[in-house]
Amino acid sequence: MSGPSTATAPAEARPIRLRTTTGGRRRPRPPTRDSGWWALLFLLPAAAGLVIFEIWPTFQTIYFSFTSWGAFGGHVWSGLENYRTLIADSDIVHAIVNTAIISVISLLAVPLSAIVAALLSLPGMRGVTVYRTLYFLPVVTLPAAVALTWKYLFNGDYGLINWLLSKIGVNGPHWLSDPATAIFAISIVGVWGSIGYNMVIFLSGIRGIPTDYYEAAELDGAGRLAQFFHITVPLLTPSIFFVTVITVINSLQAFDLIYLMVGQQSPAIERTETLVYLFYQRGFAEHDGGYAAAIGVLLLLATLILTAAQFRLQRRWVHYG
């Protein structure tokens, strides 16, 4: 007979713990009820700012557009009186036309200029850092400094632009005081100031296009120009759409360059004043807050209609895949 076995029992198989990681990364925890409250807590400051500084003033402006204001403040309900005045005001027509001209020029020039700037700023181009700095410089420069610099450049007597034109035998006009050229000079400065920000958007979009497409196109014999129009432009349409939307919105709000470069006493002010400039003039210079609020409501409706139209039309030309 054999004695009691002194061998120890085999160790129990340890359960295999499934790895909760994928590719060395820990999987995110599923959302819980508490995480939802934390999300609301972090959104609260932004939501409060949106309500206090955006939504509530919008409803206040709509209410004030139905009131009449006195010279020393206070307001009384006047119904549709401000809107009747708005329809009969010839300055409104001029302001709408001027705003439309600036918007059309910006809509045509800003996306095209920004795409060219983005192509010139791609990695591998010589002096790319200098290009990016020059393009983005207006974005970080104060609008007042930009306006004063361009006011000097456009000066009809001693400006740099007219001096350069005189070298080729051209007598340049008084750009900012001539009613025929003032709005185009303002538009040029506005386009120049918008290139840097939009260049970053296009540069990000171009670098997001897979290089496989270009390699396949090269194998098929497509040149650089064909690659640009058949690969880059179609895949860049979401960025182009975004840039066109913000360009139209910014153009409708044109004010600071007109105020700083043209001025109220300029003979060209009637050909350059926009809806926002007229809003400032009626509300803060003439203290007619109710009528200025009606102009603000008109601008709000124009912005909503144009933006909605852009979103409606983008289904026909924007490619998301």
C-alpha atoms as a PDB file:
ATOM      1  CA  MET A   1       0.000   0.000   0.000  1.00  0.00           C
ATOM      2  CA  SER A   2       1.228   3.265  -0.676  1.00  0.00           C
ATOM      3  CA  GLY A   3       1.209   5.934   1.969  1.00  0.00           C
ATOM      4  CA  PRO A   4      -0.531   9.193   1.702  1.00  0.00           C
ATOM      5  CA  SER A   5       0.714  11.150  -1.190  1.00  0.00           C
ATOM      6  CA  THR A   6       2.874  14.076  -0.305  1.00  0.00           C
ATOM      7  CA  ALA A   7       2.600  15.658  -3.744  1.00  0.00           C
ATOM      8  CA  THR A   8       0.762  18.926  -3.730  1.00  0.00           C
ATOM      9  CA  ALA A   9      -2.398  19.305  -5.741  1.00  0.00           C
ATOM     10  CA  PRO A  10      -1.971  21.025  -9.043  1.00  0.00           C
ATOM     11  CA  ALA A  11      -2.680  24.710  -8.852  1.00  0.00           C
ATOM     12  CA  GLU A  12      -6.071  25.767 -10.083  1.00  0.00           C
ATOM     13  CA  ALA A  13      -6.074  27.217 -13.506  1.00  0.00           C
ATOM     14  CA  ARG A  14      -6.088  30.959 -13.117  1.00  0.00           C
ATOM     15  CA  PRO A  15      -8.860  32.567 -15.101  1.00  0.00           C
ATOM     16  CA  ILE A  16      -7.660  34.354 -18.134  1.00  0.00           C
ATOM     17  CA  ARG A  17      -8.458  38.042 -17.793  1.00  0.00           C
ATOM     18  CA  LEU A  18      -9.564  39.509 -20.994  1.00  0.00           C
ATOM     19  CA  ARG A  19      -7.611  42.540 -21.996  1.00  0.00           C
ATOM     20  CA  THR A  20      -9.630  45.638 -21.950  1.00  0.00           C
ATOM     21  CA  THR A  21      -7.282  47.403 -24.224  1.00  0.00           C
ATOM     22  CA  THR A  22      -7.140  47.654 -27.963  1.00  0.00           C
ATOM     23  CA  GLY A  23      -3.828  48.314 -29.583  1.00  0.00           C
ATOM     24  CA  GLY A  24      -2.280  49.242 -26.221  1.00  0.00           C
ATOM     25  CA  ARG A  25      -4.992  51.806 -25.459  1.00  0.00           C
ATOM     26  CA  ARG A  26      -7.582  51.528 -22.765  1.00  0.00           C
ATOM     27  CA  ARG A  27     -11.104  51.366 -24.020  1.00  0.00           C
ATOM     28  CA  PRO A  28     -13.240  54.351 -23.066  1.00  0.00           C
ATOM     29  CA  ARG A  29     -15.781  53.706 -20.384  1.00  0.00           C
ATOM     30  CA  PRO A  30     -19.386  53.655 -21.473  1.00  0.00           C
ATOM     31  CA  PRO A  31     -21.264  56.849 -20.590  1.00  0.00           C
ATOM     32  CA  THR A  32     -23.118  56.824 -17.309  1.00  0.00           C
ATOM     33  CA  ARG A  33     -25.772  59.042 -15.858  1.00  0.00           C
ATOM     34  CA  ASP A  34     -23.137  60.931 -13.853  1.00  0.00           C
ATOM     35  CA  SER A  35     -21.052  61.644 -16.951  1.00  0.00           C
ATOM     36  CA  GLY A  36     -24.089  63.322 -18.512  1.00  0.00           C
ATOM     37  CA  TRP A  37     -24.327  65.734 -15.583  1.00  0.00           C
ATOM     38  CA  TRP A  38     -20.618  66.469 -15.867  1.00  0.00           C
ATOM     39  CA  ALA A  39     -21.061  67.223 -19.550  1.00  0.00           C
ATOM     40  CA  LEU A  40     -23.881  69.662 -18.761  1.00  0.00           C
ATOM     41  CA  LEU A  41     -21.720  71.277 -16.084  1.00  0.00           C
ATOM     42  CA  PHE A  42     -18.903  71.919 -18.542  1.00  0.00           C
ATOM     43  CA  LEU A  43     -21.332  73.231 -21.161  1.00  0.00           C
ATOM     44  CA  LEU A  44     -22.980  75.603 -18.707  1.00  0.00           C
ATOM     45  CA  PRO A  45     -20.481  78.530 -19.009  1.00  0.00           C
ATOM     46  CA  ALA A  46     -20.661  78.509 -22.803  1.00  0.00           C
ATOM     47  CA  ALA A  47     -24.461  78.164 -22.762  1.00  0.00           C
ATOM     48  CA  ALA A  48     -24.768  81.011 -20.248  1.00  0.00           C
ATOM     49  CA  GLY A  49     -22.602  83.256 -22.435  1.00  0.00           C
ATOM     50  CA  LEU A  50     -24.664  82.358 -25.494  1.00  0.00           C
ATOM     51  CA  VAL A  51     -27.932  83.201 -23.743  1.00  0.00           C
ATOM     52  CA  ILE A  52     -26.707  86.416 -22.074  1.00  0.00           C
ATOM     53  CA  PHE A  53     -24.687  87.904 -24.929  1.00  0.00           C
ATOM     54  CA  GLU A  54     -26.406  86.500 -28.044  1.00  0.00           C
ATOM     55  CA  ILE A  55     -29.950  85.190 -27.610  1.00  0.00           C
ATOM     56  CA  TRP A  56     -31.284  87.680 -25.043  1.00  0.00           C
ATOM     57  CA  PRO A  57     -29.970  90.769 -26.937  1.00  0.00           C
ATOM     58  CA  THR A  58     -31.564  89.399 -30.099  1.00  0.00           C
ATOM     59  CA  PHE A  59     -35.012  89.298 -28.482  1.00  0.00           C
ATOM     60  CA  GLN A  60     -34.368  92.731 -26.949  1.00  0.00           C
ATOM     61  CA  THR A  61     -33.519  94.161 -30.365  1.00  0.00           C
ATOM     62  CA  ILE A  62     -36.686  92.711 -31.864  1.00  0.00           C
ATOM     63  CA  TYR A  63     -38.734  94.287 -29.048  1.00  0.00           C
ATOM     64  CA  PHE A  64     -36.984  97.675 -29.336  1.00  0.00           C
ATOM     65  CA  SER A  65     -37.674  97.739 -33.074  1.00  0.00           C
ATOM     66  CA  PHE A  66     -41.346  98.323 -32.184  1.00  0.00           C
ATOM     67  CA  THR A  67     -40.565 101.284 -29.904  1.00  0.00           C
ATOM     68  CA  SER A  68     -39.624 104.960 -30.204  1.00  0.00           C
ATOM     69  CA  TRP A  69     -36.742 106.358 -28.173  1.00  0.00           C
ATOM     70  CA  GLY A  70     -36.328 109.848 -26.758  1.00  0.00           C
ATOM     71  CA  ALA A  71     -33.138 111.907 -26.825  1.00  0.00           C
ATOM     72  CA  PHE A  72     -32.537 111.239 -23.102  1.00  0.00           C
ATOM     73  CA  GLY A  73     -33.392 107.536 -23.129  1.00  0.00           C
ATOM     74  CA  GLY A  74     -36.611 105.716 -22.407  1.00  0.00           C
ATOM     75  CA  HIS A  75     -38.885 104.227 -24.984  1.00  0.00           C
ATOM     76  CA  VAL A  76     -42.574 103.899 -25.782  1.00  0.00           C
ATOM     77  CA  TRP A  77     -44.402 101.342 -27.908  1.00  0.00           C
ATOM     78  CA  SER A  78     -44.860 102.612 -31.477  1.00  0.00           C
ATOM     79  CA  GLY A  79     -45.948  99.496 -33.318  1.00  0.00           C
ATOM     80  CA  LEU A  80     -44.805  99.267 -36.949  1.00  0.00           C
ATOM     81  CA  GLU A  81     -43.786 102.934 -37.237  1.00  0.00           C
ATOM     82  CA  ASN A  82     -40.061 102.148 -37.490  1.00  0.00           C
ATOM     83  CA  TYR A  83     -40.668  99.613 -40.247  1.00  0.00           C
ATOM     84  CA  ARG A  84     -42.813 102.095 -42.223  1.00  0.00           C
ATOM     85  CA  THR A  85     -39.934 104.567 -41.996  1.00  0.00           C
ATOM     86  CA  LEU A  86     -37.520 101.809 -42.985  1.00  0.00           C
ATOM     87  CA  ILE A  87     -39.384 101.079 -46.215  1.00  0.00           C
ATOM     88  CA  ALA A  88     -39.491 104.780 -47.204  1.00  0.00           C
ATOM     89  CA  ASP A  89     -35.855 105.544 -46.256  1.00  0.00           C
ATOM     90  CA  SER A  90     -33.629 105.987 -49.325  1.00  0.00           C
ATOM     91  CA  ASP A  91     -30.498 105.530 -47.185  1.00  0.00           C
ATOM     92  CA  ILE A  92     -31.582 101.942 -46.538  1.00  0.00           C
ATOM     93  CA  VAL A  93     -31.569 101.245 -50.278  1.00  0.00           C
ATOM     94  CA  HIS A  94     -28.057 102.669 -50.608  1.00  0.00           C
ATOM     95  CA  ALA A  95     -26.885 100.683 -47.594  1.00  0.00           C
ATOM     96  CA  ILE A  96     -28.322  97.442 -48.980  1.00  0.00           C
ATOM     97  CA  VAL A  97     -26.673  98.016 -52.381  1.00  0.00           C
ATOM     98  CA  ASN A  98     -23.315  98.834 -50.784  1.00  0.00           C
ATOM     99  CA  THR A  99     -23.535  95.799 -48.502  1.00  0.00           C
ATOM    100  CA  ALA A 100     -24.396  93.604 -51.488  1.00  0.00           C
ATOM    101  CA  ILE A 101     -21.404  94.917 -53.491  1.00  0.00           C
ATOM    102  CA  ILE A 102     -18.985  94.223 -50.644  1.00  0.00           C
ATOM    103  CA  SER A 103     -20.511  90.759 -50.115  1.00  0.00           C
ATOM    104  CA  VAL A 104     -20.255  89.790 -53.786  1.00  0.00           C
ATOM    105  CA  ILE A 105     -16.643  90.988 -54.080  1.00  0.00           C
ATOM    106  CA  SER A 106     -15.706  89.136 -50.903  1.00  0.00           C
ATOM    107  CA  LEU A 107     -17.562  85.984 -51.959  1.00  0.00           C
ATOM    108  CA  LEU A 108     -15.680  85.882 -55.263  1.00  0.00           C
ATOM    109  CA  ALA A 109     -12.246  86.930 -54.004  1.00  0.00           C
ATOM    110  CA  VAL A 110     -11.842  85.476 -50.512  1.00  0.00           C
ATOM    111  CA  PRO A 111     -12.174  81.717 -51.267  1.00  0.00           C
ATOM    112  CA  LEU A 112     -10.034  81.975 -54.416  1.00  0.00           C
ATOM    113  CA  SER A 113      -7.301  84.008 -52.702  1.00  0.00           C
ATOM    114  CA  ALA A 114      -7.278  81.738 -49.671  1.00  0.00           C
ATOM    115  CA  ILE A 115      -6.960  78.586 -51.825  1.00  0.00           C
ATOM    116  CA  VAL A 116      -4.003  80.091 -53.710  1.00  0.00           C
ATOM    117  CA  ALA A 117      -2.412  81.089 -50.400  1.00  0.00           C
ATOM    118  CA  ALA A 118      -2.938  77.562 -49.046  1.00  0.00           C
ATOM    119  CA  LEU A 119      -1.327  76.001 -52.119  1.00  0.00           C
ATOM    120  CA  LEU A 120       1.657  78.324 -51.724  1.00  0.00           C
ATOM    121  CA  SER A 121       1.912  77.330 -48.052  1.00  0.00           C
ATOM    122  CA  LEU A 122       2.086  73.577 -48.522  1.00  0.00           C
ATOM    123  CA  PRO A 123       5.116  71.813 -46.995  1.00  0.00           C
ATOM    124  CA  GLY A 124       7.985  71.576 -49.435  1.00  0.00           C
ATOM    125  CA  MET A 125       7.518  75.028 -50.926  1.00  0.00           C
ATOM    126  CA  ARG A 126      10.486  77.338 -50.596  1.00  0.00           C
ATOM    127  CA  GLY A 127       9.943  80.084 -48.007  1.00  0.00           C
ATOM    128  CA  VAL A 128       6.717  78.511 -46.755  1.00  0.00           C
ATOM    129  CA  THR A 129       7.180  79.868 -43.230  1.00  0.00           C
ATOM    130  CA  VAL A 130       7.495  83.415 -44.549  1.00  0.00           C
ATOM    131  CA  TYR A 131       4.367  82.996 -46.676  1.00  0.00           C
ATOM    132  CA  ARG A 132       2.312  81.669 -43.770  1.00  0.00           C
ATOM    133  CA  THR A 133       3.448  84.492 -41.507  1.00  0.00           C
ATOM    134  CA  LEU A 134       2.619  87.172 -44.056  1.00  0.00           C
ATOM    135  CA  TYR A 135      -0.786  85.689 -44.838  1.00  0.00           C
ATOM    136  CA  PHE A 136      -1.756  85.272 -41.186  1.00  0.00           C
ATOM    137  CA  LEU A 137      -0.353  88.619 -40.017  1.00  0.00           C
ATOM    138  CA  PRO A 138      -3.613  90.593 -40.608  1.00  0.00           C
ATOM    139  CA  VAL A 139      -5.533  88.108 -38.421  1.00  0.00           C
ATOM    140  CA  VAL A 140      -3.484  88.982 -35.340  1.00  0.00           C
ATOM    141  CA  THR A 141      -3.256  92.707 -36.121  1.00  0.00           C
ATOM    142  CA  LEU A 142      -5.701  95.215 -34.662  1.00  0.00           C
ATOM    143  CA  PRO A 143      -8.311  96.383 -37.210  1.00  0.00           C
ATOM    144  CA  ALA A 144      -7.456  99.998 -36.368  1.00  0.00           C
ATOM    145  CA  ALA A 145      -3.797  99.414 -37.266  1.00  0.00           C
ATOM    146  CA  VAL A 146      -4.787  97.690 -40.505  1.00  0.00           C
ATOM    147  CA  ALA A 147      -7.143 100.538 -41.415  1.00  0.00           C
ATOM    148  CA  LEU A 148      -4.597 103.270 -40.720  1.00  0.00           C
ATOM    149  CA  THR A 149      -1.894 101.453 -42.695  1.00  0.00           C
ATOM    150  CA  TRP A 150      -4.105 101.016 -45.741  1.00  0.00           C
ATOM    151  CA  LYS A 151      -5.392 104.575 -45.376  1.00  0.00           C
ATOM    152  CA  TYR A 152      -1.824 105.737 -45.876  1.00  0.00           C
ATOM    153  CA  LEU A 153      -1.286 103.363 -48.810  1.00  0.00           C
ATOM    154  CA  PHE A 154      -4.476 104.589 -50.520  1.00  0.00           C
ATOM    155  CA  ASN A 155      -3.768 108.280 -49.916  1.00  0.00           C
ATOM    156  CA  GLY A 156      -4.229 110.167 -53.160  1.00  0.00           C
ATOM    157  CA  ASP A 157      -1.454 112.709 -52.504  1.00  0.00           C
ATOM    158  CA  TYR A 158       1.417 110.770 -50.975  1.00  0.00           C
ATOM    159  CA  GLY A 159       0.227 107.148 -50.845  1.00  0.00           C
ATOM    160  CA  LEU A 160       2.491 104.304 -51.887  1.00  0.00           C
ATOM    161  CA  ILE A 161      -0.013 102.874 -54.395  1.00  0.00           C
ATOM    162  CA  ASN A 162      -0.334 106.103 -56.375  1.00  0.00           C
ATOM    163  CA  TRP A 163       3.435 106.564 -56.245  1.00  0.00           C
ATOM    164  CA  LEU A 164       3.917 103.127 -57.818  1.00  0.00           C
ATOM    165  CA  LEU A 165       1.263 103.903 -60.428  1.00  0.00           C
ATOM    166  CA  SER A 166       3.016 107.163 -61.294  1.00  0.00           C
ATOM    167  CA  LYS A 167       6.150 105.164 -62.172  1.00  0.00           C
ATOM    168  CA  ILE A 168       4.253 103.582 -65.063  1.00  0.00           C
ATOM    169  CA  GLY A 169       2.575 106.829 -66.098  1.00  0.00           C
ATOM    170  CA  VAL A 170      -0.792 106.319 -64.348  1.00  0.00           C
ATOM    171  CA  ASN A 171      -2.367 109.025 -62.200  1.00  0.00           C
ATOM    172  CA  GLY A 172      -4.069 107.205 -59.385  1.00  0.00           C
ATOM    173  CA  PRO A 173      -7.361 108.516 -57.975  1.00  0.00           C
ATOM    174  CA  HIS A 174      -8.107 109.573 -54.425  1.00  0.00           C
ATOM    175  CA  TRP A 175      -9.132 106.063 -53.552  1.00  0.00           C
ATOM    176  CA  LEU A 176     -10.990 106.667 -50.307  1.00  0.00           C
ATOM    177  CA  SER A 177     -12.626 110.024 -51.094  1.00  0.00           C
ATOM    178  CA  ASP A 178     -13.703 109.239 -54.660  1.00  0.00           C
ATOM    179  CA  PRO A 179     -17.239 107.764 -54.600  1.00  0.00           C
ATOM    180  CA  ALA A 180     -16.378 105.606 -57.642  1.00  0.00           C
ATOM    181  CA  THR A 181     -13.419 103.826 -56.010  1.00  0.00           C
ATOM    182  CA  ALA A 182     -13.964 104.001 -52.239  1.00  0.00           C
ATOM    183  CA  ILE A 183     -16.082 100.853 -51.912  1.00  0.00           C
ATOM    184  CA  PHE A 184     -13.601  98.822 -53.981  1.00  0.00           C
ATOM    185  CA  ALA A 185     -10.693 100.055 -51.866  1.00  0.00           C
ATOM    186  CA  ILE A 186     -12.590  98.994 -48.733  1.00  0.00           C
ATOM    187  CA  SER A 187     -13.340  95.600 -50.295  1.00  0.00           C
ATOM    188  CA  ILE A 188      -9.667  95.033 -51.168  1.00  0.00           C
ATOM    189  CA  VAL A 189      -8.648  95.608 -47.556  1.00  0.00           C
ATOM    190  CA  GLY A 190     -11.443  93.342 -46.325  1.00  0.00           C
ATOM    191  CA  VAL A 191     -10.373  90.521 -48.670  1.00  0.00           C
ATOM    192  CA  TRP A 192      -6.716  90.942 -47.702  1.00  0.00           C
ATOM    193  CA  GLY A 193      -7.600  90.710 -44.022  1.00  0.00           C
ATOM    194  CA  SER A 194      -9.619  87.510 -44.506  1.00  0.00           C
ATOM    195  CA  ILE A 195      -7.012  85.473 -46.389  1.00  0.00           C
ATOM    196  CA  GLY A 196      -4.999  84.271 -43.381  1.00  0.00           C
ATOM    197  CA  TYR A 197      -7.854  82.701 -41.393  1.00  0.00           C
ATOM    198  CA  ASN A 198      -9.399  81.023 -44.426  1.00  0.00           C
ATOM    199  CA  MET A 199      -5.991  79.855 -45.638  1.00  0.00           C
ATOM    200  CA  VAL A 200      -5.676  77.766 -42.480  1.00  0.00           C
ATOM    201  CA  ILE A 201      -9.040  76.119 -43.216  1.00  0.00           C
ATOM    202  CA  PHE A 202      -8.073  75.266 -46.793  1.00  0.00           C
ATOM    203  CA  LEU A 203      -4.603  74.141 -45.776  1.00  0.00           C
ATOM    204  CA  SER A 204      -6.140  71.695 -43.302  1.00  0.00           C
ATOM    205  CA  GLY A 205      -8.565  70.462 -45.963  1.00  0.00           C
ATOM    206  CA  ILE A 206      -5.842  69.930 -48.573  1.00  0.00           C
ATOM    207  CA  ARG A 207      -3.604  68.028 -46.159  1.00  0.00           C
ATOM    208  CA  GLY A 208      -6.550  65.803 -45.254  1.00  0.00           C
ATOM    209  CA  ILE A 209      -6.883  64.482 -48.808  1.00  0.00           C
ATOM    210  CA  PRO A 210      -5.333  60.970 -49.046  1.00  0.00           C
ATOM    211  CA  THR A 211      -2.174  60.878 -51.155  1.00  0.00           C
ATOM    212  CA  ASP A 212      -3.348  57.600 -52.716  1.00  0.00           C
ATOM    213  CA  TYR A 213      -5.677  59.556 -54.969  1.00  0.00           C
ATOM    214  CA  TYR A 214      -2.816  61.628 -56.388  1.00  0.00           C
ATOM    215  CA  GLU A 215      -0.597  58.552 -56.837  1.00  0.00           C
ATOM    216  CA  ALA A 216      -3.353  56.747 -58.733  1.00  0.00           C
ATOM    217  CA  ALA A 217      -3.939  59.831 -60.872  1.00  0.00           C
ATOM    218  CA  GLU A 218      -0.235  60.008 -61.722  1.00  0.00           C
ATOM    219  CA  LEU A 219      -0.289  56.373 -62.794  1.00  0.00           C
ATOM    220  CA  ASP A 220      -3.184  57.224 -65.100  1.00  0.00           C
ATOM    221  CA  GLY A 221      -1.168  60.058 -66.602  1.00  0.00           C
ATOM    222  CA  ALA A 222      -3.016  62.976 -65.009  1.00  0.00           C
ATOM    223  CA  GLY A 223      -1.008  66.185 -64.702  1.00  0.00           C
ATOM    224  CA  ARG A 224      -0.905  68.581 -61.759  1.00  0.00           C
ATOM    225  CA  LEU A 225      -3.647  70.785 -63.190  1.00  0.00           C
ATOM    226  CA  ALA A 226      -5.955  67.835 -63.797  1.00  0.00           C
ATOM    227  CA  GLN A 227      -5.265  66.521 -60.288  1.00  0.00           C
ATOM    228  CA  PHE A 228      -6.155  69.910 -58.828  1.00  0.00           C
ATOM    229  CA  PHE A 229      -9.491  70.237 -60.615  1.00  0.00           C
ATOM    230  CA  HIS A 230     -10.555  66.570 -60.415  1.00  0.00           C
ATOM    231  CA  ILE A 231      -9.229  65.625 -56.954  1.00  0.00           C
ATOM    232  CA  THR A 232      -8.345  68.655 -54.856  1.00  0.00           C
ATOM    233  CA  VAL A 233     -11.291  70.908 -55.689  1.00  0.00           C
ATOM    234  CA  PRO A 234     -14.056  68.255 -55.325  1.00  0.00           C
ATOM    235  CA  LEU A 235     -12.669  66.998 -52.008  1.00  0.00           C
ATOM    236  CA  LEU A 236     -12.192  70.571 -50.824  1.00  0.00           C
ATOM    237  CA  THR A 237     -15.821  71.574 -51.393  1.00  0.00           C
ATOM    238  CA  PRO A 238     -16.822  71.151 -47.692  1.00  0.00           C
ATOM    239  CA  SER A 239     -14.118  73.667 -46.763  1.00  0.00           C
ATOM    240  CA  ILE A 240     -15.151  75.965 -49.617  1.00  0.00           C
ATOM    241  CA  PHE A 241     -18.752  75.826 -48.431  1.00  0.00           C
ATOM    242  CA  PHE A 242     -17.767  76.719 -44.857  1.00  0.00           C
ATOM    243  CA  VAL A 243     -15.613  79.613 -46.058  1.00  0.00           C
ATOM    244  CA  THR A 244     -18.383  80.999 -48.265  1.00  0.00           C
ATOM    245  CA  VAL A 245     -20.856  80.925 -45.360  1.00  0.00           C
ATOM    246  CA  ILE A 246     -18.622  82.819 -42.942  1.00  0.00           C
ATOM    247  CA  THR A 247     -17.489  85.191 -45.720  1.00  0.00           C
ATOM    248  CA  VAL A 248     -21.065  86.254 -46.464  1.00  0.00           C
ATOM    249  CA  ILE A 249     -21.853  86.682 -42.756  1.00  0.00           C
ATOM    250  CA  ASN A 250     -18.712  88.754 -42.163  1.00  0.00           C
ATOM    251  CA  SER A 251     -19.380  90.869 -45.260  1.00  0.00           C
ATOM    252  CA  LEU A 252     -22.883  91.699 -44.039  1.00  0.00           C
ATOM    253  CA  GLN A 253     -21.294  93.011 -40.826  1.00  0.00           C
ATOM    254  CA  ALA A 254     -18.754  95.312 -42.527  1.00  0.00           C
ATOM    255  CA  PHE A 255     -18.309  98.422 -40.396  1.00  0.00           C
ATOM    256  CA  ASP A 256     -14.886  99.039 -38.809  1.00  0.00           C
ATOM    257  CA  LEU A 257     -12.941  99.620 -42.046  1.00  0.00           C
ATOM    258  CA  ILE A 258     -15.585 102.055 -43.322  1.00  0.00           C
ATOM    259  CA  TYR A 259     -15.658 103.946 -40.040  1.00  0.00           C
ATOM    260  CA  LEU A 260     -11.865 104.183 -39.801  1.00  0.00           C
ATOM    261  CA  MET A 261     -10.845 104.611 -43.441  1.00  0.00           C
ATOM    262  CA  VAL A 262     -13.669 106.658 -44.990  1.00  0.00           C
ATOM    263  CA  GLY A 263     -15.183 108.678 -42.155  1.00  0.00           C
ATOM    264  CA  GLN A 264     -18.465 110.497 -41.802  1.00  0.00           C
ATOM    265  CA  GLN A 265     -17.347 113.702 -43.554  1.00  0.00           C
ATOM    266  CA  SER A 266     -16.003 112.002 -46.674  1.00  0.00           C
ATOM    267  CA  PRO A 267     -17.889 112.671 -49.940  1.00  0.00           C
ATOM    268  CA  ALA A 268     -17.745 108.917 -50.542  1.00  0.00           C
ATOM    269  CA  ILE A 269     -19.599 107.917 -47.378  1.00  0.00           C
ATOM    270  CA  GLU A 270     -22.954 107.580 -49.172  1.00  0.00           C
ATOM    271  CA  ARG A 271     -21.389 105.074 -51.586  1.00  0.00           C
ATOM    272  CA  THR A 272     -19.741 103.055 -48.820  1.00  0.00           C
ATOM    273  CA  GLU A 273     -22.085 103.037 -45.823  1.00  0.00           C
ATOM    274  CA  THR A 274     -23.434  99.563 -45.106  1.00  0.00           C
ATOM    275  CA  LEU A 275     -26.367  98.373 -43.019  1.00  0.00           C
ATOM    276  CA  VAL A 276     -24.193  98.091 -39.918  1.00  0.00           C
ATOM    277  CA  TYR A 277     -22.765 101.576 -40.467  1.00  0.00           C
ATOM    278  CA  LEU A 278     -26.314 102.939 -40.844  1.00  0.00           C
ATOM    279  CA  PHE A 279     -27.285 101.054 -37.682  1.00  0.00           C
ATOM    280  CA  TYR A 280     -24.443 102.797 -35.822  1.00  0.00           C
ATOM    281  CA  GLN A 281     -25.338 106.186 -37.298  1.00  0.00           C
ATOM    282  CA  ARG A 282     -29.021 106.003 -36.346  1.00  0.00           C
ATOM    283  CA  GLY A 283     -28.537 104.348 -32.978  1.00  0.00           C
ATOM    284  CA  PHE A 284     -25.454 106.049 -31.528  1.00  0.00           C
ATOM    285  CA  ALA A 285     -24.985 109.304 -33.471  1.00  0.00           C
ATOM    286  CA  GLU A 286     -28.674 110.256 -33.796  1.00  0.00           C
ATOM    287  CA  HIS A 287     -29.876 108.396 -30.650  1.00  0.00           C
ATOM    288  CA  ASP A 288     -32.808 106.786 -32.463  1.00  0.00           C
ATOM    289  CA  GLY A 289     -32.580 103.382 -30.820  1.00  0.00           C
ATOM    290  CA  GLY A 290     -35.909 102.084 -32.092  1.00  0.00           C
ATOM    291  CA  TYR A 291     -35.112 102.744 -35.743  1.00  0.00           C
ATOM    292  CA  ALA A 292     -31.597 101.335 -35.307  1.00  0.00           C
ATOM    293  CA  ALA A 293     -33.155  98.181 -33.828  1.00  0.00           C
ATOM    294  CA  ALA A 294     -35.378  97.866 -36.909  1.00  0.00           C
ATOM    295  CA  ILE A 295     -32.251  98.050 -39.089  1.00  0.00           C
ATOM    296  CA  GLY A 296     -30.711  95.347 -36.899  1.00  0.00           C
ATOM    297  CA  VAL A 297     -33.748  93.111 -37.404  1.00  0.00           C
ATOM    298  CA  LEU A 298     -33.505  93.668 -41.174  1.00  0.00           C
ATOM    299  CA  LEU A 299     -29.837  92.645 -41.066  1.00  0.00           C
ATOM    300  CA  LEU A 300     -30.695  89.575 -38.982  1.00  0.00           C
ATOM    301  CA  LEU A 301     -33.353  88.473 -41.487  1.00  0.00           C
ATOM    302  CA  ALA A 302     -30.973  89.020 -44.421  1.00  0.00           C
ATOM    303  CA  THR A 303     -28.314  86.921 -42.689  1.00  0.00           C
ATOM    304  CA  LEU A 304     -30.756  84.108 -41.913  1.00  0.00           C
ATOM    305  CA  ILE A 305     -32.176  84.035 -45.452  1.00  0.00           C
ATOM    306  CA  LEU A 306     -28.781  84.057 -47.183  1.00  0.00           C
ATOM    307  CA  THR A 307     -27.344  81.420 -44.850  1.00  0.00           C
ATOM    308  CA  ALA A 308     -30.392  79.187 -45.292  1.00  0.00           C
ATOM    309  CA  ALA A 309     -30.097  79.573 -49.071  1.00  0.00           C
ATOM    310  CA  GLN A 310     -26.431  78.587 -48.939  1.00  0.00           C
ATOM    311  CA  PHE A 311     -27.234  75.463 -46.904  1.00  0.00           C
ATOM    312  CA  ARG A 312     -30.011  74.625 -49.344  1.00  0.00           C
ATOM    313  CA  LEU A 313     -27.784  74.992 -52.417  1.00  0.00           C
ATOM    314  CA  GLN A 314     -24.780  73.179 -50.956  1.00  0.00           C
ATOM    315  CA  ARG A 315     -26.474  69.825 -51.560  1.00  0.00           C
ATOM    316  CA  ARG A 316     -25.847  70.307 -55.281  1.00  0.00           C
ATOM    317  CA  TRP A 317     -22.108  70.979 -55.235  1.00  0.00           C
ATOM    318  CA  VAL A 318     -20.552  69.901 -51.929  1.00  0.00           C
ATOM    319  CA  HIS A 319     -19.058  66.397 -51.779  1.00  0.00           C
ATOM    320  CA  TYR A 320     -18.539  64.832 -48.363  1.00  0.00           C
ATOM    321  CA  GLY A 321     -16.952  61.588 -49.458  1.00  0.00           C
END
